[in-house]
N, C-alpha and C. Protein backbone atom coordinates (compact mmCIF):
# COMPACT_ATOMS: atom_id res chain seq x y z
N MET A 1 175.20 122.64 56.14
CA MET A 1 175.76 122.75 54.82
C MET A 1 177.26 122.62 54.92
N ARG A 2 177.89 122.39 53.79
CA ARG A 2 179.32 122.12 53.77
C ARG A 2 180.02 123.10 52.83
N VAL A 3 181.19 123.58 53.25
CA VAL A 3 182.03 124.42 52.38
C VAL A 3 182.73 123.46 51.41
N VAL A 4 182.59 123.71 50.11
CA VAL A 4 183.12 122.78 49.10
C VAL A 4 184.21 123.38 48.22
N ALA A 5 184.48 124.66 48.32
CA ALA A 5 185.52 125.27 47.48
C ALA A 5 186.88 124.72 47.90
N ALA A 6 187.61 124.16 46.94
CA ALA A 6 188.86 123.46 47.23
C ALA A 6 189.88 124.34 47.95
N GLY A 7 190.01 125.59 47.57
CA GLY A 7 191.02 126.45 48.17
C GLY A 7 190.59 127.17 49.44
N HIS A 8 189.36 126.96 49.85
CA HIS A 8 188.85 127.67 51.02
C HIS A 8 189.38 127.05 52.30
N PRO A 9 189.77 127.87 53.30
CA PRO A 9 190.29 127.33 54.56
C PRO A 9 189.31 126.40 55.30
N LEU A 10 188.02 126.57 55.07
CA LEU A 10 187.01 125.74 55.73
C LEU A 10 186.51 124.61 54.84
N SER A 11 187.19 124.36 53.73
CA SER A 11 186.77 123.34 52.78
C SER A 11 186.59 121.99 53.48
N GLY A 12 185.44 121.37 53.21
CA GLY A 12 185.12 120.08 53.80
C GLY A 12 184.41 120.16 55.13
N ARG A 13 184.35 121.33 55.74
CA ARG A 13 183.72 121.48 57.05
C ARG A 13 182.21 121.65 56.90
N ALA A 14 181.46 120.94 57.72
CA ALA A 14 180.01 121.09 57.77
C ALA A 14 179.68 122.09 58.86
N LEU A 15 179.00 123.17 58.49
CA LEU A 15 178.69 124.26 59.42
C LEU A 15 177.22 124.64 59.29
N ARG A 16 176.71 125.29 60.31
CA ARG A 16 175.32 125.73 60.30
C ARG A 16 175.21 127.13 59.73
N ALA A 17 174.33 127.32 58.77
CA ALA A 17 174.09 128.64 58.19
C ALA A 17 173.15 129.40 59.11
N ARG A 18 173.52 130.64 59.45
CA ARG A 18 172.69 131.48 60.32
C ARG A 18 171.82 132.43 59.55
N ARG A 19 172.36 132.99 58.46
CA ARG A 19 171.57 133.90 57.64
C ARG A 19 172.23 134.05 56.28
N VAL A 20 171.51 134.67 55.37
CA VAL A 20 172.02 134.91 54.02
C VAL A 20 171.86 136.39 53.72
N TYR A 21 172.79 136.95 52.95
CA TYR A 21 172.68 138.35 52.54
C TYR A 21 173.32 138.52 51.16
N ARG A 22 173.00 139.64 50.52
CA ARG A 22 173.56 139.96 49.21
C ARG A 22 174.50 141.14 49.36
N GLN A 23 175.71 140.99 48.81
CA GLN A 23 176.68 142.09 48.83
C GLN A 23 177.56 141.95 47.60
N TRP A 24 177.87 143.08 46.99
CA TRP A 24 178.69 143.11 45.77
C TRP A 24 178.10 142.24 44.67
N GLY A 25 176.77 142.15 44.62
CA GLY A 25 176.10 141.38 43.58
C GLY A 25 176.16 139.88 43.76
N ARG A 26 176.63 139.42 44.92
CA ARG A 26 176.72 137.98 45.17
C ARG A 26 176.00 137.63 46.46
N LEU A 27 175.60 136.37 46.59
CA LEU A 27 174.97 135.89 47.82
C LEU A 27 176.02 135.32 48.77
N TRP A 28 175.86 135.66 50.04
CA TRP A 28 176.78 135.21 51.09
C TRP A 28 175.99 134.54 52.20
N LEU A 29 176.61 133.58 52.87
CA LEU A 29 176.05 132.95 54.05
C LEU A 29 176.88 133.33 55.27
N VAL A 30 176.22 133.60 56.35
CA VAL A 30 176.91 133.76 57.63
C VAL A 30 176.86 132.39 58.29
N LEU A 31 178.02 131.81 58.52
CA LEU A 31 178.11 130.46 59.06
C LEU A 31 178.59 130.51 60.51
N GLY A 32 178.00 129.66 61.34
CA GLY A 32 178.42 129.55 62.73
C GLY A 32 179.60 128.60 62.84
N LEU A 33 180.64 129.05 63.54
CA LEU A 33 181.83 128.23 63.76
C LEU A 33 181.69 127.46 65.08
N PRO A 34 182.41 126.36 65.23
CA PRO A 34 182.32 125.58 66.47
C PRO A 34 182.68 126.37 67.73
N ASP A 35 183.55 127.37 67.60
CA ASP A 35 183.94 128.16 68.78
C ASP A 35 182.96 129.28 69.11
N GLY A 36 181.85 129.34 68.37
CA GLY A 36 180.83 130.37 68.61
C GLY A 36 180.98 131.59 67.73
N GLY A 37 182.06 131.71 67.00
CA GLY A 37 182.26 132.82 66.08
C GLY A 37 181.45 132.62 64.81
N VAL A 38 181.53 133.60 63.94
CA VAL A 38 180.84 133.50 62.65
C VAL A 38 181.81 133.89 61.55
N VAL A 39 181.51 133.44 60.35
CA VAL A 39 182.29 133.77 59.17
C VAL A 39 181.34 133.88 57.99
N SER A 40 181.63 134.78 57.04
CA SER A 40 180.85 134.90 55.83
C SER A 40 181.53 134.12 54.71
N VAL A 41 180.73 133.34 53.99
CA VAL A 41 181.24 132.54 52.88
C VAL A 41 180.28 132.73 51.71
N GLU A 42 180.84 132.87 50.51
CA GLU A 42 179.99 132.98 49.33
C GLU A 42 179.16 131.70 49.16
N VAL A 43 177.90 131.85 48.80
CA VAL A 43 177.02 130.70 48.59
C VAL A 43 177.64 129.76 47.56
N ALA A 44 178.29 130.31 46.53
CA ALA A 44 178.90 129.50 45.49
C ALA A 44 180.00 128.58 46.02
N ASP A 45 180.57 128.89 47.19
CA ASP A 45 181.62 128.07 47.79
C ASP A 45 181.07 126.99 48.71
N THR A 46 179.74 126.81 48.71
CA THR A 46 179.11 125.83 49.58
C THR A 46 178.23 124.87 48.77
N ASP A 47 177.71 123.86 49.46
CA ASP A 47 176.80 122.93 48.80
C ASP A 47 175.34 123.26 49.08
N VAL A 48 175.07 124.46 49.58
CA VAL A 48 173.72 124.80 50.01
C VAL A 48 172.70 124.74 48.84
N LEU A 49 173.12 125.06 47.64
CA LEU A 49 172.20 125.01 46.51
C LEU A 49 172.01 123.59 45.98
N GLU A 50 172.84 122.67 46.41
CA GLU A 50 172.73 121.28 45.99
C GLU A 50 171.89 120.46 46.96
N MET A 51 171.61 121.01 48.14
CA MET A 51 170.89 120.29 49.17
C MET A 51 169.42 120.16 48.80
N PRO A 52 168.80 119.03 49.15
CA PRO A 52 167.38 118.89 48.87
C PRO A 52 166.56 119.84 49.72
N VAL A 53 165.48 120.31 49.16
CA VAL A 53 164.58 121.20 49.89
C VAL A 53 163.65 120.36 50.73
N ALA A 54 163.58 120.67 52.01
CA ALA A 54 162.70 119.94 52.91
C ALA A 54 161.27 120.37 52.66
N SER A 55 160.37 119.43 52.66
CA SER A 55 158.96 119.77 52.51
C SER A 55 158.15 118.87 53.43
N ALA A 56 157.07 119.40 53.92
CA ALA A 56 156.17 118.65 54.79
C ALA A 56 155.10 117.99 53.95
N PRO A 57 154.67 116.78 54.36
CA PRO A 57 153.55 116.16 53.65
C PRO A 57 152.34 117.07 53.68
N SER A 58 151.51 116.98 52.70
CA SER A 58 150.34 117.84 52.60
C SER A 58 149.51 117.78 53.88
N GLY A 59 149.21 118.97 54.40
CA GLY A 59 148.37 119.06 55.59
C GLY A 59 149.11 118.97 56.90
N THR A 60 150.44 118.82 56.87
CA THR A 60 151.19 118.75 58.13
C THR A 60 152.31 119.78 58.12
N GLY A 61 152.44 120.46 59.21
CA GLY A 61 153.55 121.39 59.36
C GLY A 61 153.45 122.65 58.52
N THR A 62 152.30 122.91 57.96
CA THR A 62 152.14 124.12 57.16
C THR A 62 150.95 124.91 57.69
N LEU A 63 150.91 126.18 57.33
CA LEU A 63 149.80 127.03 57.75
C LEU A 63 148.71 127.04 56.69
N SER A 64 147.49 127.03 57.14
CA SER A 64 146.38 127.23 56.21
C SER A 64 146.34 128.71 55.87
N ALA A 65 145.56 129.07 54.88
CA ALA A 65 145.42 130.49 54.52
C ALA A 65 144.91 131.28 55.71
N GLU A 66 143.93 130.74 56.44
CA GLU A 66 143.37 131.44 57.61
C GLU A 66 144.43 131.59 58.70
N ASP A 67 145.23 130.53 58.93
CA ASP A 67 146.29 130.62 59.93
C ASP A 67 147.33 131.68 59.53
N ALA A 68 147.65 131.74 58.25
CA ALA A 68 148.62 132.73 57.77
C ALA A 68 148.08 134.14 57.98
N ARG A 69 146.79 134.36 57.70
CA ARG A 69 146.19 135.68 57.92
C ARG A 69 146.23 136.04 59.41
N ARG A 70 145.93 135.07 60.26
CA ARG A 70 145.95 135.29 61.71
C ARG A 70 147.36 135.65 62.19
N LEU A 71 148.35 134.91 61.69
CA LEU A 71 149.74 135.18 62.05
C LEU A 71 150.16 136.57 61.58
N LEU A 72 149.78 136.94 60.38
CA LEU A 72 150.09 138.28 59.86
C LEU A 72 149.47 139.35 60.75
N GLY A 73 148.21 139.14 61.18
CA GLY A 73 147.56 140.10 62.07
C GLY A 73 148.31 140.23 63.39
N LEU A 74 148.77 139.11 63.94
CA LEU A 74 149.54 139.16 65.19
C LEU A 74 150.86 139.91 65.01
N LEU A 75 151.54 139.66 63.90
CA LEU A 75 152.79 140.36 63.62
C LEU A 75 152.57 141.86 63.46
N GLU A 76 151.51 142.24 62.75
CA GLU A 76 151.20 143.66 62.58
C GLU A 76 150.90 144.31 63.92
N ALA A 77 150.19 143.61 64.82
CA ALA A 77 149.89 144.15 66.14
C ALA A 77 151.17 144.32 66.95
N CYS A 78 152.10 143.37 66.84
CA CYS A 78 153.38 143.49 67.55
C CYS A 78 154.20 144.67 67.03
N ILE A 79 154.22 144.85 65.72
CA ILE A 79 154.95 145.97 65.13
C ILE A 79 154.34 147.29 65.58
N ALA A 80 153.02 147.38 65.57
CA ALA A 80 152.35 148.62 66.01
C ALA A 80 152.64 148.90 67.48
N ARG A 81 152.62 147.85 68.30
CA ARG A 81 152.89 148.02 69.74
C ARG A 81 154.33 148.49 69.95
N ALA A 82 155.28 147.90 69.21
CA ALA A 82 156.68 148.30 69.35
C ALA A 82 156.87 149.75 68.91
N ALA A 83 156.21 150.14 67.83
CA ALA A 83 156.33 151.52 67.35
C ALA A 83 155.75 152.49 68.37
N THR A 84 154.61 152.15 68.96
CA THR A 84 154.00 153.01 69.98
C THR A 84 154.91 153.12 71.19
N HIS A 85 155.50 152.02 71.60
CA HIS A 85 156.41 152.03 72.75
C HIS A 85 157.63 152.90 72.45
N ALA A 86 158.16 152.81 71.22
CA ALA A 86 159.33 153.60 70.85
C ALA A 86 159.01 155.09 70.90
N VAL A 87 157.83 155.48 70.44
CA VAL A 87 157.44 156.89 70.46
C VAL A 87 157.27 157.37 71.90
N MET A 88 156.65 156.54 72.73
CA MET A 88 156.40 156.92 74.11
C MET A 88 157.68 157.05 74.92
N THR A 89 158.68 156.25 74.62
CA THR A 89 159.93 156.26 75.41
C THR A 89 161.02 157.12 74.78
N ALA A 90 160.78 157.68 73.60
CA ALA A 90 161.81 158.45 72.90
C ALA A 90 162.24 159.68 73.69
N GLY A 91 161.34 160.28 74.42
CA GLY A 91 161.66 161.50 75.14
C GLY A 91 162.17 161.27 76.54
N GLU A 92 162.36 160.03 76.95
CA GLU A 92 162.78 159.74 78.30
C GLU A 92 164.29 159.83 78.50
N GLY A 93 165.05 159.95 77.43
CA GLY A 93 166.49 160.11 77.57
C GLY A 93 167.24 158.82 77.83
N GLY A 94 166.66 157.70 77.61
CA GLY A 94 167.36 156.43 77.73
C GLY A 94 167.35 155.90 79.14
N PRO A 95 168.12 154.83 79.39
CA PRO A 95 168.15 154.18 80.71
C PRO A 95 168.76 155.07 81.77
N ARG A 96 168.32 154.89 83.00
CA ARG A 96 168.86 155.69 84.10
C ARG A 96 169.72 154.84 85.00
């Protein structure tokens, strides 16, 4: 995506968006800089809402309902395993 706000120091620069968050009632993007740093920019100062939405042709690159249920089950199992591990290691006092 590209920063398009005329007065912004990064105006005209194409950068990769890493994540989005809401703060002070506005949407912000965390953008990766070429030097490896990051910067937050308001969504309104970018062209991200003007970009076309990518979509896969029907039947390719998407999950079926059954695949989605299976993936959800795997995620739930991972969360349960992580929670069990956290409880078991909580009394160990951290790394030695």
